[in-house]
Amino acid sequence: MAQYSTMVITELGKILFAKSQTGKPLVYTKMQIGSGQVAGDPSNLTNLVQPIGDPFPISSFAINGDTAQIKAVFENTNITQITYSCELGLFANDPDYGEVLYAYANAGDNGDYIPPIAAGPYSREHQINVAIGNATQVTAVIPPTAYVTVTDFNAHVNNTNIHIQRSEFLSAINNLQNQIDTIKATFPDSFNHNLFDDSLETIDEISLTNGYYNEAYSRLEV
């Protein structure tokens, strides 16, 4: 696994971060890997030095306190020969300038070798944790076709903050059914038939204690 240097926020990323602290949206859009080496200050980069293939979509996004946890999965679908990878970039959308390289890291000589697709499918999950400070509008673009790991899927399914457990759901249904049965048992014939056989054409022999008789519709109203 690549051993990246400390990830830096690019100059364009710093501008976007500052905007996010004033209420403007901070939207992470994608990641990309590359094989280039940096000459000079990496924070001045506006793109990867030597990108490998196309950027890949974000597959998972969460905010933990003042940190955004972003995951994306690279697949070797379009890799035709063994390829060295040592760059990792995170992109975000600036509301004024469009998409920018937000953060960057380089592993130098401690990168990875990606096998070609002819050797079989290969995937690598990348996770980037970035500080969001006091930003209030932080999101990520996650397409419906994004790759989701089994770990993330299970974590989502078992999240009791957004899902009710099946056992709790069945218990609630059973309790509701018991309450309905109790109510039904207090009425004649358990609601199975209408035991009221008066047509209410008149109420000559009926004494009203509540409501009134609607003669137009031949009914009692409360």
C-alpha atoms as a PDB file:
ATOM      1  CA  MET A   1       0.000   0.000   0.000  1.00  0.00           C
ATOM      2  CA  ALA A   2       1.278   3.440  -0.900  1.00  0.00           C
ATOM      3  CA  GLN A   3       2.735   5.496   1.926  1.00  0.00           C
ATOM      4  CA  TYR A   4       1.681   9.016   1.054  1.00  0.00           C
ATOM      5  CA  SER A   5       3.258  12.105   2.504  1.00  0.00           C
ATOM      6  CA  THR A   6       1.087  14.441   4.514  1.00  0.00           C
ATOM      7  CA  MET A   7      -1.743  15.633   2.306  1.00  0.00           C
ATOM      8  CA  VAL A   8      -1.624  19.339   1.561  1.00  0.00           C
ATOM      9  CA  ILE A   9      -4.457  21.681   0.701  1.00  0.00           C
ATOM     10  CA  THR A  10      -3.681  23.433  -2.562  1.00  0.00           C
ATOM     11  CA  GLU A  11      -3.782  27.205  -2.917  1.00  0.00           C
ATOM     12  CA  LEU A  12      -7.105  26.884  -4.764  1.00  0.00           C
ATOM     13  CA  GLY A  13      -8.275  24.551  -2.012  1.00  0.00           C
ATOM     14  CA  LYS A  14      -7.377  27.118   0.642  1.00  0.00           C
ATOM     15  CA  ILE A  15      -9.450  29.749  -1.162  1.00  0.00           C
ATOM     16  CA  LEU A  16     -12.415  27.367  -1.320  1.00  0.00           C
ATOM     17  CA  PHE A  17     -11.962  26.390   2.330  1.00  0.00           C
ATOM     18  CA  ALA A  18     -12.054  30.064   3.331  1.00  0.00           C
ATOM     19  CA  LYS A  19     -15.287  30.528   1.378  1.00  0.00           C
ATOM     20  CA  SER A  20     -16.830  27.517   3.118  1.00  0.00           C
ATOM     21  CA  GLN A  21     -16.193  29.150   6.500  1.00  0.00           C
ATOM     22  CA  THR A  22     -18.473  32.022   5.461  1.00  0.00           C
ATOM     23  CA  GLY A  23     -21.378  29.740   4.517  1.00  0.00           C
ATOM     24  CA  LYS A  24     -20.634  28.925   0.883  1.00  0.00           C
ATOM     25  CA  PRO A  25     -20.969  25.262  -0.165  1.00  0.00           C
ATOM     26  CA  LEU A  26     -17.993  22.917  -0.147  1.00  0.00           C
ATOM     27  CA  VAL A  27     -18.718  20.006  -2.499  1.00  0.00           C
ATOM     28  CA  TYR A  28     -16.167  17.240  -2.999  1.00  0.00           C
ATOM     29  CA  THR A  29     -16.479  15.758  -6.490  1.00  0.00           C
ATOM     30  CA  LYS A  30     -13.929  13.019  -7.251  1.00  0.00           C
ATOM     31  CA  MET A  31     -10.440  11.576  -6.734  1.00  0.00           C
ATOM     32  CA  GLN A  32      -7.618  10.744  -9.109  1.00  0.00           C
ATOM     33  CA  ILE A  33      -4.307   8.930  -8.942  1.00  0.00           C
ATOM     34  CA  GLY A  34      -1.129   9.633 -10.876  1.00  0.00           C
ATOM     35  CA  SER A  35       2.478   8.589 -11.398  1.00  0.00           C
ATOM     36  CA  GLY A  36       4.259  11.951 -11.402  1.00  0.00           C
ATOM     37  CA  GLN A  37       6.844  13.446  -9.068  1.00  0.00           C
ATOM     38  CA  VAL A  38       6.545  16.963  -7.679  1.00  0.00           C
ATOM     39  CA  ALA A  39       9.165  19.621  -8.313  1.00  0.00           C
ATOM     40  CA  GLY A  40       8.546  22.498  -5.931  1.00  0.00           C
ATOM     41  CA  ASP A  41       5.662  23.258  -3.626  1.00  0.00           C
ATOM     42  CA  PRO A  42       2.785  20.764  -4.192  1.00  0.00           C
ATOM     43  CA  SER A  43       0.250  23.300  -2.887  1.00  0.00           C
ATOM     44  CA  ASN A  44       0.717  25.254  -6.142  1.00  0.00           C
ATOM     45  CA  LEU A  45      -0.563  22.362  -8.241  1.00  0.00           C
ATOM     46  CA  THR A  46      -3.827  22.742 -10.140  1.00  0.00           C
ATOM     47  CA  ASN A  47      -3.821  19.145 -11.382  1.00  0.00           C
ATOM     48  CA  LEU A  48      -1.905  15.933 -10.857  1.00  0.00           C
ATOM     49  CA  VAL A  49       1.563  15.903 -12.416  1.00  0.00           C
ATOM     50  CA  GLN A  50       0.936  12.763 -14.470  1.00  0.00           C
ATOM     51  CA  PRO A  51      -2.663  11.533 -14.084  1.00  0.00           C
ATOM     52  CA  ILE A  52      -3.494   7.871 -14.563  1.00  0.00           C
ATOM     53  CA  GLY A  53      -6.689   7.385 -16.500  1.00  0.00           C
ATOM     54  CA  ASP A  54      -9.851   9.252 -15.608  1.00  0.00           C
ATOM     55  CA  PRO A  55     -10.842  10.486 -12.153  1.00  0.00           C
ATOM     56  CA  PHE A  56     -12.988   8.063 -10.177  1.00  0.00           C
ATOM     57  CA  PRO A  57     -16.174   8.919  -8.268  1.00  0.00           C
ATOM     58  CA  ILE A  58     -16.589   9.290  -4.552  1.00  0.00           C
ATOM     59  CA  SER A  59     -18.296   6.234  -3.075  1.00  0.00           C
ATOM     60  CA  SER A  60     -18.711   7.212   0.570  1.00  0.00           C
ATOM     61  CA  PHE A  61     -18.914  10.459   2.515  1.00  0.00           C
ATOM     62  CA  ALA A  62     -19.372  11.196   6.200  1.00  0.00           C
ATOM     63  CA  ILE A  63     -18.740  14.044   8.612  1.00  0.00           C
ATOM     64  CA  ASN A  64     -17.219  13.224  11.972  1.00  0.00           C
ATOM     65  CA  GLY A  65     -16.982  16.358  14.091  1.00  0.00           C
ATOM     66  CA  ASP A  66     -14.948  18.876  12.126  1.00  0.00           C
ATOM     67  CA  THR A  67     -13.560  16.268   9.717  1.00  0.00           C
ATOM     68  CA  ALA A  68     -14.941  15.012   6.407  1.00  0.00           C
ATOM     69  CA  GLN A  69     -14.195  11.358   5.675  1.00  0.00           C
ATOM     70  CA  ILE A  70     -14.203  10.724   1.939  1.00  0.00           C
ATOM     71  CA  LYS A  71     -13.753   7.377   0.214  1.00  0.00           C
ATOM     72  CA  ALA A  72     -13.389   6.483  -3.454  1.00  0.00           C
ATOM     73  CA  VAL A  73     -12.508   3.240  -5.215  1.00  0.00           C
ATOM     74  CA  PHE A  74     -10.112   3.023  -8.158  1.00  0.00           C
ATOM     75  CA  GLU A  75     -10.540   0.106 -10.565  1.00  0.00           C
ATOM     76  CA  ASN A  76      -8.045  -1.023 -13.216  1.00  0.00           C
ATOM     77  CA  THR A  77     -10.680  -1.345 -15.946  1.00  0.00           C
ATOM     78  CA  ASN A  78      -8.700   0.823 -18.402  1.00  0.00           C
ATOM     79  CA  ILE A  79      -5.156  -0.120 -17.337  1.00  0.00           C
ATOM     80  CA  THR A  80      -3.441  -2.023 -20.156  1.00  0.00           C
ATOM     81  CA  GLN A  81       0.040  -2.438 -18.647  1.00  0.00           C
ATOM     82  CA  ILE A  82       1.527  -2.514 -15.177  1.00  0.00           C
ATOM     83  CA  THR A  83       1.529   1.076 -13.921  1.00  0.00           C
ATOM     84  CA  TYR A  84       3.252   2.805 -11.032  1.00  0.00           C
ATOM     85  CA  SER A  85       1.039   5.056  -8.898  1.00  0.00           C
ATOM     86  CA  CYS A  86       2.247   7.559  -6.306  1.00  0.00           C
ATOM     87  CA  GLU A  87      -0.053  10.603  -6.595  1.00  0.00           C
ATOM     88  CA  LEU A  88      -3.460  11.070  -4.997  1.00  0.00           C
ATOM     89  CA  GLY A  89      -5.671  14.088  -5.546  1.00  0.00           C
ATOM     90  CA  LEU A  90      -9.046  15.197  -4.219  1.00  0.00           C
ATOM     91  CA  PHE A  91     -11.184  17.560  -6.277  1.00  0.00           C
ATOM     92  CA  ALA A  92     -13.955  19.878  -5.142  1.00  0.00           C
ATOM     93  CA  ASN A  93     -16.324  22.357  -6.725  1.00  0.00           C
ATOM     94  CA  ASP A  94     -15.708  26.062  -6.187  1.00  0.00           C
ATOM     95  CA  PRO A  95     -18.980  28.025  -6.556  1.00  0.00           C
ATOM     96  CA  ASP A  96     -17.084  30.784  -8.384  1.00  0.00           C
ATOM     97  CA  TYR A  97     -14.410  28.939 -10.414  1.00  0.00           C
ATOM     98  CA  GLY A  98     -15.759  25.441 -10.928  1.00  0.00           C
ATOM     99  CA  GLU A  99     -13.911  22.225 -10.142  1.00  0.00           C
ATOM    100  CA  VAL A 100     -10.450  22.592  -8.579  1.00  0.00           C
ATOM    101  CA  LEU A 101      -7.746  20.334  -7.189  1.00  0.00           C
ATOM    102  CA  TYR A 102      -8.507  20.707  -3.490  1.00  0.00           C
ATOM    103  CA  ALA A 103      -5.928  18.455  -1.821  1.00  0.00           C
ATOM    104  CA  TYR A 104      -2.860  16.504  -2.925  1.00  0.00           C
ATOM    105  CA  ALA A 105      -0.436  13.884  -1.628  1.00  0.00           C
ATOM    106  CA  ASN A 106       2.537  12.079  -3.130  1.00  0.00           C
ATOM    107  CA  ALA A 107       4.152   8.812  -2.037  1.00  0.00           C
ATOM    108  CA  GLY A 108       7.363   9.338  -3.995  1.00  0.00           C
ATOM    109  CA  ASP A 109       9.168   6.006  -4.239  1.00  0.00           C
ATOM    110  CA  ASN A 110       6.708   4.347  -1.843  1.00  0.00           C
ATOM    111  CA  GLY A 111       3.831   4.041  -4.280  1.00  0.00           C
ATOM    112  CA  ASP A 112       1.901   1.065  -5.680  1.00  0.00           C
ATOM    113  CA  TYR A 113       2.057  -0.938  -8.878  1.00  0.00           C
ATOM    114  CA  ILE A 114      -1.306  -1.397 -10.556  1.00  0.00           C
ATOM    115  CA  PRO A 115      -1.737  -4.613 -12.548  1.00  0.00           C
ATOM    116  CA  PRO A 116      -3.295  -4.448 -16.028  1.00  0.00           C
ATOM    117  CA  ILE A 117      -6.881  -5.562 -16.506  1.00  0.00           C
ATOM    118  CA  ALA A 118      -5.565  -8.549 -18.476  1.00  0.00           C
ATOM    119  CA  ALA A 119      -4.218  -9.885 -15.171  1.00  0.00           C
ATOM    120  CA  GLY A 120      -7.663  -9.692 -13.624  1.00  0.00           C
ATOM    121  CA  PRO A 121      -9.857  -7.095 -11.927  1.00  0.00           C
ATOM    122  CA  TYR A 122      -8.117  -4.954  -9.330  1.00  0.00           C
ATOM    123  CA  SER A 123      -9.518  -2.275  -7.067  1.00  0.00           C
ATOM    124  CA  ARG A 124      -8.116  -0.066  -4.337  1.00  0.00           C
ATOM    125  CA  GLU A 125     -10.123   2.003  -1.869  1.00  0.00           C
ATOM    126  CA  HIS A 126      -8.682   5.408  -1.011  1.00  0.00           C
ATOM    127  CA  GLN A 127      -9.788   7.361   2.050  1.00  0.00           C
ATOM    128  CA  ILE A 128      -8.993  11.025   2.630  1.00  0.00           C
ATOM    129  CA  ASN A 129      -9.795  12.824   5.882  1.00  0.00           C
ATOM    130  CA  VAL A 130      -9.911  16.598   5.584  1.00  0.00           C
ATOM    131  CA  ALA A 131     -10.741  19.273   8.130  1.00  0.00           C
ATOM    132  CA  ILE A 132     -13.867  21.321   7.413  1.00  0.00           C
ATOM    133  CA  GLY A 133     -13.622  23.811  10.267  1.00  0.00           C
ATOM    134  CA  ASN A 134     -16.880  25.671  10.770  1.00  0.00           C
ATOM    135  CA  ALA A 135     -18.279  24.954   7.301  1.00  0.00           C
ATOM    136  CA  THR A 136     -22.009  24.231   7.352  1.00  0.00           C
ATOM    137  CA  GLN A 137     -22.632  23.205   3.721  1.00  0.00           C
ATOM    138  CA  VAL A 138     -20.308  20.272   3.110  1.00  0.00           C
ATOM    139  CA  THR A 139     -21.388  17.514   0.743  1.00  0.00           C
ATOM    140  CA  ALA A 140     -20.006  15.121  -1.860  1.00  0.00           C
ATOM    141  CA  VAL A 141     -21.077  14.067  -5.329  1.00  0.00           C
ATOM    142  CA  ILE A 142     -21.824  10.331  -5.173  1.00  0.00           C
ATOM    143  CA  PRO A 143     -23.242   8.947  -8.451  1.00  0.00           C
ATOM    144  CA  PRO A 144     -25.791   6.110  -8.245  1.00  0.00           C
ATOM    145  CA  THR A 145     -23.326   3.796 -10.006  1.00  0.00           C
ATOM    146  CA  ALA A 146     -20.527   4.412  -7.498  1.00  0.00           C
ATOM    147  CA  TYR A 147     -18.738   1.361  -6.114  1.00  0.00           C
ATOM    148  CA  VAL A 148     -19.666   0.556  -2.507  1.00  0.00           C
ATOM    149  CA  THR A 149     -17.517  -1.734  -0.391  1.00  0.00           C
ATOM    150  CA  VAL A 150     -19.046  -4.529   1.667  1.00  0.00           C
ATOM    151  CA  THR A 151     -17.784  -2.799   4.819  1.00  0.00           C
ATOM    152  CA  ASP A 152     -19.566   0.456   3.966  1.00  0.00           C
ATOM    153  CA  PHE A 153     -22.725  -1.390   2.935  1.00  0.00           C
ATOM    154  CA  ASN A 154     -22.884  -3.343   6.196  1.00  0.00           C
ATOM    155  CA  ALA A 155     -22.192  -0.197   8.207  1.00  0.00           C
ATOM    156  CA  HIS A 156     -25.094   1.527   6.454  1.00  0.00           C
ATOM    157  CA  VAL A 157     -27.507  -1.375   6.904  1.00  0.00           C
ATOM    158  CA  ASN A 158     -26.657  -1.742  10.595  1.00  0.00           C
ATOM    159  CA  ASN A 159     -26.831   1.982  11.368  1.00  0.00           C
ATOM    160  CA  THR A 160     -29.572   2.151  14.005  1.00  0.00           C
ATOM    161  CA  ASN A 161     -29.673   5.943  13.759  1.00  0.00           C
ATOM    162  CA  ILE A 162     -31.298   5.740  10.317  1.00  0.00           C
ATOM    163  CA  HIS A 163     -32.746   2.212  10.269  1.00  0.00           C
ATOM    164  CA  ILE A 164     -35.050   0.365  12.629  1.00  0.00           C
ATOM    165  CA  GLN A 165     -34.011  -3.200  13.336  1.00  0.00           C
ATOM    166  CA  ARG A 166     -36.292  -5.887  11.872  1.00  0.00           C
ATOM    167  CA  SER A 167     -36.957  -7.281  15.352  1.00  0.00           C
ATOM    168  CA  GLU A 168     -38.097  -3.828  16.555  1.00  0.00           C
ATOM    169  CA  PHE A 169     -40.277  -3.413  13.472  1.00  0.00           C
ATOM    170  CA  LEU A 170     -41.992  -6.776  13.992  1.00  0.00           C
ATOM    171  CA  SER A 171     -42.452  -6.049  17.691  1.00  0.00           C
ATOM    172  CA  ALA A 172     -44.123  -2.714  16.879  1.00  0.00           C
ATOM    173  CA  ILE A 173     -46.455  -4.406  14.369  1.00  0.00           C
ATOM    174  CA  ASN A 174     -47.397  -7.090  16.900  1.00  0.00           C
ATOM    175  CA  ASN A 175     -48.118  -4.481  19.580  1.00  0.00           C
ATOM    176  CA  LEU A 176     -50.316  -2.553  17.163  1.00  0.00           C
ATOM    177  CA  GLN A 177     -52.225  -5.714  16.236  1.00  0.00           C
ATOM    178  CA  ASN A 178     -52.795  -6.496  19.923  1.00  0.00           C
ATOM    179  CA  GLN A 179     -54.183  -3.007  20.505  1.00  0.00           C
ATOM    180  CA  ILE A 180     -56.553  -3.356  17.538  1.00  0.00           C
ATOM    181  CA  ASP A 181     -57.745  -6.754  18.784  1.00  0.00           C
ATOM    182  CA  THR A 182     -58.376  -5.279  22.244  1.00  0.00           C
ATOM    183  CA  ILE A 183     -60.471  -2.456  20.788  1.00  0.00           C
ATOM    184  CA  LYS A 184     -62.444  -4.855  18.602  1.00  0.00           C
ATOM    185  CA  ALA A 185     -63.187  -7.092  21.579  1.00  0.00           C
ATOM    186  CA  THR A 186     -64.930  -4.230  23.395  1.00  0.00           C
ATOM    187  CA  PHE A 187     -67.572  -3.882  20.653  1.00  0.00           C
ATOM    188  CA  PRO A 188     -70.405  -6.283  19.860  1.00  0.00           C
ATOM    189  CA  ASP A 189     -69.581  -8.924  17.304  1.00  0.00           C
ATOM    190  CA  SER A 190     -66.005  -7.547  16.993  1.00  0.00           C
ATOM    191  CA  PHE A 191     -67.036  -5.185  14.171  1.00  0.00           C
ATOM    192  CA  ASN A 192     -67.880  -8.145  11.961  1.00  0.00           C
ATOM    193  CA  HIS A 193     -71.492  -7.096  11.330  1.00  0.00           C
ATOM    194  CA  ASN A 194     -73.618  -3.990  11.595  1.00  0.00           C
ATOM    195  CA  LEU A 195     -75.934  -4.721  14.513  1.00  0.00           C
ATOM    196  CA  PHE A 196     -77.716  -1.394  14.200  1.00  0.00           C
ATOM    197  CA  ASP A 197     -80.911  -2.133  12.238  1.00  0.00           C
ATOM    198  CA  ASP A 198     -82.883   1.091  12.729  1.00  0.00           C
ATOM    199  CA  SER A 199     -83.380   2.916   9.430  1.00  0.00           C
ATOM    200  CA  LEU A 200     -83.710   6.237  11.288  1.00  0.00           C
ATOM    201  CA  GLU A 201     -86.574   7.335   9.023  1.00  0.00           C
ATOM    202  CA  THR A 202     -87.959   8.890  12.206  1.00  0.00           C
ATOM    203  CA  ILE A 203     -86.761   9.133  15.782  1.00  0.00           C
ATOM    204  CA  ASP A 204     -90.182   9.028  17.416  1.00  0.00           C
ATOM    205  CA  GLU A 205     -89.109   6.345  19.872  1.00  0.00           C
ATOM    206  CA  ILE A 206     -85.504   7.523  20.306  1.00  0.00           C
ATOM    207  CA  SER A 207     -84.407   9.945  23.004  1.00  0.00           C
ATOM    208  CA  LEU A 208     -81.338  11.989  22.057  1.00  0.00           C
ATOM    209  CA  THR A 209     -78.876  12.857  24.813  1.00  0.00           C
ATOM    210  CA  ASN A 210     -76.122  14.184  22.467  1.00  0.00           C
ATOM    211  CA  GLY A 211     -76.165  15.516  18.905  1.00  0.00           C
ATOM    212  CA  TYR A 212     -79.183  16.076  16.733  1.00  0.00           C
ATOM    213  CA  TYR A 213     -81.291  14.343  14.102  1.00  0.00           C
ATOM    214  CA  ASN A 214     -80.529  15.333  10.489  1.00  0.00           C
ATOM    215  CA  GLU A 215     -83.928  14.789   8.890  1.00  0.00           C
ATOM    216  CA  ALA A 216     -82.669  15.507   5.362  1.00  0.00           C
ATOM    217  CA  TYR A 217     -80.214  12.616   5.515  1.00  0.00           C
ATOM    218  CA  SER A 218     -82.074  10.458   8.058  1.00  0.00           C
ATOM    219  CA  ARG A 219     -79.100  10.239  10.383  1.00  0.00           C
ATOM    220  CA  LEU A 220     -77.895  11.150  13.830  1.00  0.00           C
ATOM    221  CA  GLU A 221     -75.045  13.679  13.968  1.00  0.00           C
ATOM    222  CA  VAL A 222     -72.841  14.608  16.879  1.00  0.00           C
END
